[in-house]
């Protein structure tokens, strides 16, 4: 939904990406990874970039990917 809303200019994608970069969320669970069709349809590049920076630890289970913050 976030990607669709962003394409239509219906939500503040830059603000959401900033929240992701700040680590405002505990983790993300996505279907697939960047480069997979479903992932790329659901996550715009700005948010995916922020996820890569703030949640660099990934664990894959089947087609799900858990994105975790770096260990401190």
PDB file of N, CA and C in Angstrom:
ATOM      1  N   UNK A   1       0.826  -1.192   0.000  1.00  0.00           N
ATOM      2  CA  UNK A   1       0.000   0.000   0.000  1.00  0.00           C
ATOM      3  C   UNK A   1       0.865   1.249   0.000  1.00  0.00           C
ATOM      4  N   UNK A   2       1.982   1.231   0.751  1.00  0.00           N
ATOM      5  CA  UNK A   2       2.841   2.418   0.816  1.00  0.00           C
ATOM      6  C   UNK A   2       3.332   2.813  -0.571  1.00  0.00           C
ATOM      7  N   UNK A   3       3.752   1.862  -1.371  1.00  0.00           N
ATOM      8  CA  UNK A   3       4.247   2.182  -2.706  1.00  0.00           C
ATOM      9  C   UNK A   3       3.137   2.772  -3.568  1.00  0.00           C
ATOM     10  N   UNK A   4       1.949   2.195  -3.489  1.00  0.00           N
ATOM     11  CA  UNK A   4       0.829   2.714  -4.275  1.00  0.00           C
ATOM     12  C   UNK A   4       0.475   4.134  -3.862  1.00  0.00           C
ATOM     13  N   UNK A   5       0.425   4.373  -2.551  1.00  0.00           N
ATOM     14  CA  UNK A   5       0.108   5.716  -2.068  1.00  0.00           C
ATOM     15  C   UNK A   5       1.178   6.724  -2.479  1.00  0.00           C
ATOM     16  N   UNK A   6       2.422   6.318  -2.447  1.00  0.00           N
ATOM     17  CA  UNK A   6       3.510   7.212  -2.846  1.00  0.00           C
ATOM     18  C   UNK A   6       3.408   7.563  -4.324  1.00  0.00           C
ATOM     19  N   UNK A   7       3.108   6.577  -5.155  1.00  0.00           N
ATOM     20  CA  UNK A   7       2.974   6.832  -6.590  1.00  0.00           C
ATOM     21  C   UNK A   7       1.857   7.826  -6.873  1.00  0.00           C
ATOM     22  N   UNK A   8       0.848   7.819  -6.031  1.00  0.00           N
ATOM     23  CA  UNK A   8      -0.284   8.731  -6.220  1.00  0.00           C
ATOM     24  C   UNK A   8      -0.127  10.033  -5.440  1.00  0.00           C
ATOM     25  N   UNK A   9       1.006  10.187  -4.736  1.00  0.00           N
ATOM     26  CA  UNK A   9       1.251  11.406  -3.974  1.00  0.00           C
ATOM     27  C   UNK A   9       0.345  11.545  -2.762  1.00  0.00           C
ATOM     28  N   UNK A  10      -0.061  10.432  -2.169  1.00  0.00           N
ATOM     29  CA  UNK A  10      -1.027  10.443  -1.070  1.00  0.00           C
ATOM     30  C   UNK A  10      -0.413  10.304   0.313  1.00  0.00           C
ATOM     31  N   UNK A  11       0.907  10.164   0.395  1.00  0.00           N
ATOM     32  CA  UNK A  11       1.531  10.134   1.711  1.00  0.00           C
ATOM     33  C   UNK A  11       2.953  10.653   1.616  1.00  0.00           C
ATOM     34  N   UNK A  12       3.519  10.990   2.743  1.00  0.00           N
ATOM     35  CA  UNK A  12       4.837  11.612   2.814  1.00  0.00           C
ATOM     36  C   UNK A  12       5.918  10.533   2.794  1.00  0.00           C
ATOM     37  N   UNK A  13       6.315  10.128   1.611  1.00  0.00           N
ATOM     38  CA  UNK A  13       7.311   9.070   1.481  1.00  0.00           C
ATOM     39  C   UNK A  13       8.644   9.489   2.095  1.00  0.00           C
ATOM     40  N   UNK A  14       9.044  10.737   1.891  1.00  0.00           N
ATOM     41  CA  UNK A  14      10.318  11.213   2.457  1.00  0.00           C
ATOM     42  C   UNK A  14      10.282  11.147   3.981  1.00  0.00           C
ATOM     43  N   UNK A  15       9.158  11.515   4.571  1.00  0.00           N
ATOM     44  CA  UNK A  15       9.012  11.441   6.029  1.00  0.00           C
ATOM     45  C   UNK A  15       9.070  10.009   6.534  1.00  0.00           C
ATOM     46  N   UNK A  16       8.425   9.106   5.809  1.00  0.00           N
ATOM     47  CA  UNK A  16       8.454   7.696   6.203  1.00  0.00           C
ATOM     48  C   UNK A  16       9.864   7.141   6.069  1.00  0.00           C
ATOM     49  N   UNK A  17      10.553   7.462   4.967  1.00  0.00           N
ATOM     50  CA  UNK A  17      11.926   7.003   4.770  1.00  0.00           C
ATOM     51  C   UNK A  17      12.830   7.542   5.883  1.00  0.00           C
ATOM     52  N   UNK A  18      12.601   8.777   6.316  1.00  0.00           N
ATOM     53  CA  UNK A  18      13.395   9.353   7.418  1.00  0.00           C
ATOM     54  C   UNK A  18      13.161   8.576   8.709  1.00  0.00           C
ATOM     55  N   UNK A  19      11.916   8.196   8.965  1.00  0.00           N
ATOM     56  CA  UNK A  19      11.615   7.386  10.153  1.00  0.00           C
ATOM     57  C   UNK A  19      12.346   6.049  10.083  1.00  0.00           C
ATOM     58  N   UNK A  20      12.359   5.444   8.912  1.00  0.00           N
ATOM     59  CA  UNK A  20      13.050   4.162   8.741  1.00  0.00           C
ATOM     60  C   UNK A  20      14.545   4.350   8.997  1.00  0.00           C
ATOM     61  N   UNK A  21      15.144   5.394   8.408  1.00  0.00           N
ATOM     62  CA  UNK A  21      16.579   5.650   8.608  1.00  0.00           C
ATOM     63  C   UNK A  21      16.918   5.886  10.074  1.00  0.00           C
ATOM     64  N   UNK A  22      15.997   6.501  10.829  1.00  0.00           N
ATOM     65  CA  UNK A  22      16.219   6.746  12.262  1.00  0.00           C
ATOM     66  C   UNK A  22      16.070   5.479  13.090  1.00  0.00           C
ATOM     67  N   UNK A  23      15.584   4.408  12.490  1.00  0.00           N
ATOM     68  CA  UNK A  23      15.385   3.166  13.232  1.00  0.00           C
ATOM     69  C   UNK A  23      14.139   3.203  14.099  1.00  0.00           C
ATOM     70  N   UNK A  24      13.114   3.901  13.636  1.00  0.00           N
ATOM     71  CA  UNK A  24      11.882   4.066  14.407  1.00  0.00           C
ATOM     72  C   UNK A  24      11.075   2.775  14.554  1.00  0.00           C
ATOM     73  N   UNK A  25      11.416   1.766  13.813  1.00  0.00           N
ATOM     74  CA  UNK A  25      10.689   0.501  13.854  1.00  0.00           C
ATOM     75  C   UNK A  25      11.609  -0.591  14.397  1.00  0.00           C
ATOM     76  N   UNK A  26      11.050  -1.573  15.030  1.00  0.00           N
ATOM     77  CA  UNK A  26      11.851  -2.656  15.586  1.00  0.00           C
ATOM     78  C   UNK A  26      12.466  -3.536  14.513  1.00  0.00           C
ATOM     79  N   UNK A  27      11.732  -3.769  13.426  1.00  0.00           N
ATOM     80  CA  UNK A  27      12.189  -4.615  12.328  1.00  0.00           C
ATOM     81  C   UNK A  27      11.176  -4.503  11.204  1.00  0.00           C
ATOM     82  N   UNK A  28      11.503  -5.086  10.074  1.00  0.00           N
ATOM     83  CA  UNK A  28      10.579  -5.205   8.948  1.00  0.00           C
ATOM     84  C   UNK A  28      10.562  -6.652   8.514  1.00  0.00           C
ATOM     85  N   UNK A  29       9.411  -7.104   8.066  1.00  0.00           N
ATOM     86  CA  UNK A  29       9.295  -8.404   7.413  1.00  0.00           C
ATOM     87  C   UNK A  29       8.773  -8.124   6.017  1.00  0.00           C
ATOM     88  N   UNK A  30       9.506  -8.592   5.024  1.00  0.00           N
ATOM     89  CA  UNK A  30       9.088  -8.376   3.644  1.00  0.00           C
ATOM     90  C   UNK A  30       8.996  -9.710   2.923  1.00  0.00           C
ATOM     91  N   UNK A  31       8.294  -9.700   1.825  1.00  0.00           N
ATOM     92  CA  UNK A  31       8.298 -10.856   0.924  1.00  0.00           C
ATOM     93  C   UNK A  31       9.444 -10.626  -0.047  1.00  0.00           C
ATOM     94  N   UNK A  32      10.397 -11.515  -0.041  1.00  0.00           N
ATOM     95  CA  UNK A  32      11.525 -11.411  -0.949  1.00  0.00           C
ATOM     96  C   UNK A  32      12.516 -10.329  -0.557  1.00  0.00           C
ATOM     97  N   UNK A  33      13.348  -9.988  -1.525  1.00  0.00           N
ATOM     98  CA  UNK A  33      14.419  -9.005  -1.350  1.00  0.00           C
ATOM     99  C   UNK A  33      14.410  -8.053  -2.540  1.00  0.00           C
ATOM    100  N   UNK A  34      15.212  -7.010  -2.432  1.00  0.00           N
ATOM    101  CA  UNK A  34      15.340  -6.089  -3.562  1.00  0.00           C
ATOM    102  C   UNK A  34      15.694  -6.858  -4.824  1.00  0.00           C
ATOM    103  N   UNK A  35      15.086  -6.446  -5.910  1.00  0.00           N
ATOM    104  CA  UNK A  35      15.296  -7.146  -7.171  1.00  0.00           C
ATOM    105  C   UNK A  35      14.227  -8.178  -7.453  1.00  0.00           C
ATOM    106  N   UNK A  36      13.532  -8.634  -6.417  1.00  0.00           N
ATOM    107  CA  UNK A  36      12.386  -9.526  -6.603  1.00  0.00           C
ATOM    108  C   UNK A  36      11.185  -8.658  -6.979  1.00  0.00           C
ATOM    109  N   UNK A  37      10.414  -9.121  -7.931  1.00  0.00           N
ATOM    110  CA  UNK A  37       9.276  -8.340  -8.412  1.00  0.00           C
ATOM    111  C   UNK A  37       8.334  -7.877  -7.322  1.00  0.00           C
ATOM    112  N   UNK A  38       7.938  -8.786  -6.445  1.00  0.00           N
ATOM    113  CA  UNK A  38       6.975  -8.423  -5.406  1.00  0.00           C
ATOM    114  C   UNK A  38       7.565  -7.384  -4.455  1.00  0.00           C
ATOM    115  N   UNK A  39       8.814  -7.548  -4.049  1.00  0.00           N
ATOM    116  CA  UNK A  39       9.453  -6.580  -3.156  1.00  0.00           C
ATOM    117  C   UNK A  39       9.482  -5.208  -3.819  1.00  0.00           C
ATOM    118  N   UNK A  40       9.954  -5.167  -5.057  1.00  0.00           N
ATOM    119  CA  UNK A  40      10.108  -3.894  -5.749  1.00  0.00           C
ATOM    120  C   UNK A  40       8.775  -3.202  -6.018  1.00  0.00           C
ATOM    121  N   UNK A  41       7.706  -3.969  -6.143  1.00  0.00           N
ATOM    122  CA  UNK A  41       6.372  -3.374  -6.306  1.00  0.00           C
ATOM    123  C   UNK A  41       5.874  -2.768  -5.002  1.00  0.00           C
ATOM    124  N   UNK A  42       6.273  -3.344  -3.876  1.00  0.00           N
ATOM    125  CA  UNK A  42       5.751  -2.925  -2.576  1.00  0.00           C
ATOM    126  C   UNK A  42       6.584  -1.862  -1.880  1.00  0.00           C
ATOM    127  N   UNK A  43       7.868  -1.767  -2.216  1.00  0.00           N
ATOM    128  CA  UNK A  43       8.772  -0.840  -1.526  1.00  0.00           C
ATOM    129  C   UNK A  43       9.466   0.046  -2.544  1.00  0.00           C
ATOM    130  N   UNK A  44       9.211   1.340  -2.470  1.00  0.00           N
ATOM    131  CA  UNK A  44       9.867   2.285  -3.357  1.00  0.00           C
ATOM    132  C   UNK A  44      11.352   2.390  -3.010  1.00  0.00           C
ATOM    133  N   UNK A  45      12.183   2.780  -3.975  1.00  0.00           N
ATOM    134  CA  UNK A  45      13.625   2.834  -3.742  1.00  0.00           C
ATOM    135  C   UNK A  45      14.050   3.661  -2.527  1.00  0.00           C
ATOM    136  N   UNK A  46      13.418   4.786  -2.268  1.00  0.00           N
ATOM    137  CA  UNK A  46      13.822   5.617  -1.122  1.00  0.00           C
ATOM    138  C   UNK A  46      13.637   4.872   0.198  1.00  0.00           C
ATOM    139  N   UNK A  47      12.544   4.154   0.330  1.00  0.00           N
ATOM    140  CA  UNK A  47      12.283   3.405   1.561  1.00  0.00           C
ATOM    141  C   UNK A  47      13.174   2.168   1.617  1.00  0.00           C
ATOM    142  N   UNK A  48      13.357   1.495   0.495  1.00  0.00           N
ATOM    143  CA  UNK A  48      14.234   0.310   0.466  1.00  0.00           C
ATOM    144  C   UNK A  48      15.671   0.707   0.802  1.00  0.00           C
ATOM    145  N   UNK A  49      16.125   1.861   0.301  1.00  0.00           N
ATOM    146  CA  UNK A  49      17.470   2.345   0.645  1.00  0.00           C
ATOM    147  C   UNK A  49      17.590   2.579   2.144  1.00  0.00           C
ATOM    148  N   UNK A  50      16.580   3.214   2.721  1.00  0.00           N
ATOM    149  CA  UNK A  50      16.584   3.492   4.165  1.00  0.00           C
ATOM    150  C   UNK A  50      16.594   2.188   4.960  1.00  0.00           C
ATOM    151  N   UNK A  51      15.830   1.203   4.499  1.00  0.00           N
ATOM    152  CA  UNK A  51      15.801  -0.102   5.162  1.00  0.00           C
ATOM    153  C   UNK A  51      17.176  -0.762   5.119  1.00  0.00           C
ATOM    154  N   UNK A  52      17.848  -0.675   3.965  1.00  0.00           N
ATOM    155  CA  UNK A  52      19.182  -1.265   3.832  1.00  0.00           C
ATOM    156  C   UNK A  52      20.165  -0.656   4.822  1.00  0.00           C
ATOM    157  N   UNK A  53      20.051   0.652   5.056  1.00  0.00           N
ATOM    158  CA  UNK A  53      20.976   1.352   5.954  1.00  0.00           C
ATOM    159  C   UNK A  53      20.661   1.057   7.422  1.00  0.00           C
ATOM    160  N   UNK A  54      19.398   1.189   7.795  1.00  0.00           N
ATOM    161  CA  UNK A  54      19.024   1.095   9.211  1.00  0.00           C
ATOM    162  C   UNK A  54      18.781  -0.338   9.695  1.00  0.00           C
ATOM    163  N   UNK A  55      18.498  -1.238   8.778  1.00  0.00           N
ATOM    164  CA  UNK A  55      18.193  -2.633   9.137  1.00  0.00           C
ATOM    165  C   UNK A  55      19.034  -3.567   8.255  1.00  0.00           C
ATOM    166  N   UNK A  56      20.364  -3.532   8.443  1.00  0.00           N
ATOM    167  CA  UNK A  56      21.252  -4.251   7.526  1.00  0.00           C
ATOM    168  C   UNK A  56      21.334  -5.763   7.744  1.00  0.00           C
ATOM    169  N   UNK A  57      20.870  -6.243   8.865  1.00  0.00           N
ATOM    170  CA  UNK A  57      20.920  -7.680   9.149  1.00  0.00           C
ATOM    171  C   UNK A  57      19.655  -8.318   8.583  1.00  0.00           C
ATOM    172  N   UNK A  58      19.833  -9.293   7.705  1.00  0.00           N
ATOM    173  CA  UNK A  58      18.665  -9.946   7.115  1.00  0.00           C
ATOM    174  C   UNK A  58      18.719 -11.444   7.360  1.00  0.00           C
ATOM    175  N   UNK A  59      17.543 -11.998   7.564  1.00  0.00           N
ATOM    176  CA  UNK A  59      17.380 -13.442   7.751  1.00  0.00           C
ATOM    177  C   UNK A  59      16.246 -13.864   6.825  1.00  0.00           C
ATOM    178  N   UNK A  60      16.504 -14.851   5.987  1.00  0.00           N
ATOM    179  CA  UNK A  60      15.488 -15.327   5.047  1.00  0.00           C
ATOM    180  C   UNK A  60      14.884 -16.633   5.527  1.00  0.00           C
ATOM    181  N   UNK A  61      13.571 -16.710   5.430  1.00  0.00           N
ATOM    182  CA  UNK A  61      12.831 -17.931   5.720  1.00  0.00           C
ATOM    183  C   UNK A  61      11.819 -18.080   4.596  1.00  0.00           C
ATOM    184  N   UNK A  62      12.059 -19.068   3.737  1.00  0.00           N
ATOM    185  CA  UNK A  62      11.253 -19.244   2.525  1.00  0.00           C
ATOM    186  C   UNK A  62      11.270 -17.942   1.728  1.00  0.00           C
ATOM    187  N   UNK A  63      10.100 -17.369   1.440  1.00  0.00           N
ATOM    188  CA  UNK A  63      10.081 -16.129   0.658  1.00  0.00           C
ATOM    189  C   UNK A  63       9.984 -14.880   1.542  1.00  0.00           C
ATOM    190  N   UNK A  64      10.081 -15.046   2.853  1.00  0.00           N
ATOM    191  CA  UNK A  64      10.059 -13.910   3.764  1.00  0.00           C
ATOM    192  C   UNK A  64      11.477 -13.488   4.131  1.00  0.00           C
ATOM    193  N   UNK A  65      11.670 -12.183   4.307  1.00  0.00           N
ATOM    194  CA  UNK A  65      12.953 -11.660   4.761  1.00  0.00           C
ATOM    195  C   UNK A  65      12.707 -10.801   5.991  1.00  0.00           C
ATOM    196  N   UNK A  66      13.409 -11.105   7.057  1.00  0.00           N
ATOM    197  CA  UNK A  66      13.364 -10.317   8.284  1.00  0.00           C
ATOM    198  C   UNK A  66      14.529  -9.336   8.219  1.00  0.00           C
ATOM    199  N   UNK A  67      14.230  -8.047   8.342  1.00  0.00           N
ATOM    200  CA  UNK A  67      15.231  -6.979   8.295  1.00  0.00           C
ATOM    201  C   UNK A  67      15.397  -6.473   9.729  1.00  0.00           C
ATOM    202  N   UNK A  68      16.604  -6.632  10.260  1.00  0.00           N
ATOM    203  CA  UNK A  68      16.882  -6.269  11.661  1.00  0.00           C
ATOM    204  C   UNK A  68      17.933  -5.165  11.735  1.00  0.00           C
ATOM    205  N   UNK A  69      17.897  -4.367  12.818  1.00  0.00           N
ATOM    206  CA  UNK A  69      18.948  -3.363  12.987  1.00  0.00           C
ATOM    207  C   UNK A  69      20.277  -4.046  13.274  1.00  0.00           C
ATOM    208  N   UNK A  70      21.366  -3.302  13.062  1.00  0.00           N
ATOM    209  CA  UNK A  70      22.696  -3.839  13.371  1.00  0.00           C
ATOM    210  C   UNK A  70      22.799  -4.137  14.849  1.00  0.00           C
ATOM    211  N   UNK A  71      23.537  -5.168  15.186  1.00  0.00           N
ATOM    212  CA  UNK A  71      23.733  -5.502  16.604  1.00  0.00           C
ATOM    213  C   UNK A  71      24.549  -4.407  17.246  1.00  0.00           C
ATOM    214  N   UNK A  72      24.180  -4.061  18.456  1.00  0.00           N
ATOM    215  CA  UNK A  72      24.894  -2.999  19.183  1.00  0.00           C
ATOM    216  C   UNK A  72      25.720  -3.557  20.275  1.00  0.00           C
TER     217      UNK A  72
END
